[in-house]
Amino acid sequence: MSSERLKEYWAHQAALIEEEKAKLAIKHKIPRDEKFEKAWRIAWDQGHSSGFSEVEIVFDELIDLIKT
């Protein structure tokens, strides 16, 4: 894979991640602040190998920590 194609791939992946983060913020009606980002990192670390749906499940379990 050429370096240009690799850059395109990673830019696309970053855009997909941002889209998922935006969906979660809207779904839970929470700001994308430091707490959100920390919960996202935990959810991502625990679930990304199984896809965005697993990340969402883990994030949904962490949401109460953000809302309090």
Protein backbone atom coordinates (compact mmCIF):
# COMPACT_ATOMS: atom_id res chain seq x y z
CA MET A 1 0.00 0.00 0.00
CA SER A 2 1.41 3.38 -0.96
CA SER A 3 1.95 6.02 1.70
CA GLU A 4 -0.77 8.16 0.12
CA ARG A 5 -3.28 5.30 0.28
CA LEU A 6 -2.22 4.62 3.85
CA LYS A 7 -2.83 8.27 4.78
CA GLU A 8 -6.27 8.08 3.15
CA TYR A 9 -7.07 4.91 5.06
CA TRP A 10 -6.14 6.41 8.44
CA ALA A 11 -7.97 9.66 7.68
CA HIS A 12 -11.08 7.61 6.89
CA GLN A 13 -10.69 5.61 10.12
CA ALA A 14 -10.33 8.84 12.13
CA ALA A 15 -13.49 10.22 10.51
CA LEU A 16 -15.42 7.06 11.40
CA ILE A 17 -14.27 7.29 15.01
CA GLU A 18 -15.30 10.95 15.23
CA GLU A 19 -18.70 10.06 13.78
CA GLU A 20 -19.21 7.35 16.41
CA LYS A 21 -18.17 9.70 19.20
CA ALA A 22 -20.61 12.34 17.95
CA LYS A 23 -23.43 9.77 17.85
CA LEU A 24 -22.77 8.76 21.44
CA ALA A 25 -22.69 12.35 22.65
CA ILE A 26 -26.03 12.99 20.96
CA LYS A 27 -27.55 9.69 22.12
CA HIS A 28 -26.72 10.41 25.76
CA LYS A 29 -27.14 14.21 25.56
CA ILE A 30 -23.69 14.87 27.01
CA PRO A 31 -20.92 17.26 26.05
CA ARG A 32 -17.71 16.00 24.48
CA ASP A 33 -15.59 17.07 27.39
CA GLU A 34 -12.72 15.50 29.31
CA LYS A 35 -15.00 12.96 31.04
CA PHE A 36 -16.49 11.94 27.70
CA GLU A 37 -13.05 11.43 26.20
CA LYS A 38 -11.87 9.36 29.16
CA ALA A 39 -14.95 7.12 28.96
CA TRP A 40 -14.44 6.82 25.20
CA ARG A 41 -10.80 5.75 25.65
CA ILE A 42 -11.82 3.09 28.17
CA ALA A 43 -14.63 1.84 25.93
CA TRP A 44 -12.33 1.87 22.89
CA ASP A 45 -9.59 -0.05 24.71
CA GLN A 46 -12.05 -2.69 25.87
CA GLY A 47 -14.19 -3.04 22.77
CA HIS A 48 -12.62 -1.89 19.51
CA SER A 49 -11.36 -5.31 18.51
CA SER A 50 -15.01 -6.38 18.23
CA GLY A 51 -16.18 -3.26 16.39
CA PHE A 52 -18.01 -0.04 17.10
CA SER A 53 -21.06 -1.83 18.48
CA GLU A 54 -18.97 -3.30 21.31
CA VAL A 55 -17.39 0.09 22.00
CA GLU A 56 -20.90 1.52 22.29
CA ILE A 57 -21.95 -1.22 24.72
CA VAL A 58 -18.97 -0.52 26.98
CA PHE A 59 -19.49 3.25 26.70
CA ASP A 60 -23.16 2.82 27.61
CA GLU A 61 -22.08 0.98 30.75
CA LEU A 62 -19.78 3.88 31.71
CA ILE A 63 -22.26 6.67 31.03
CA ASP A 64 -23.54 6.90 34.60
CA LEU A 65 -20.07 7.98 35.71
CA ILE A 66 -20.20 10.91 33.32
CA LYS A 67 -23.72 12.01 34.16
CA THR A 68 -23.13 12.23 37.92
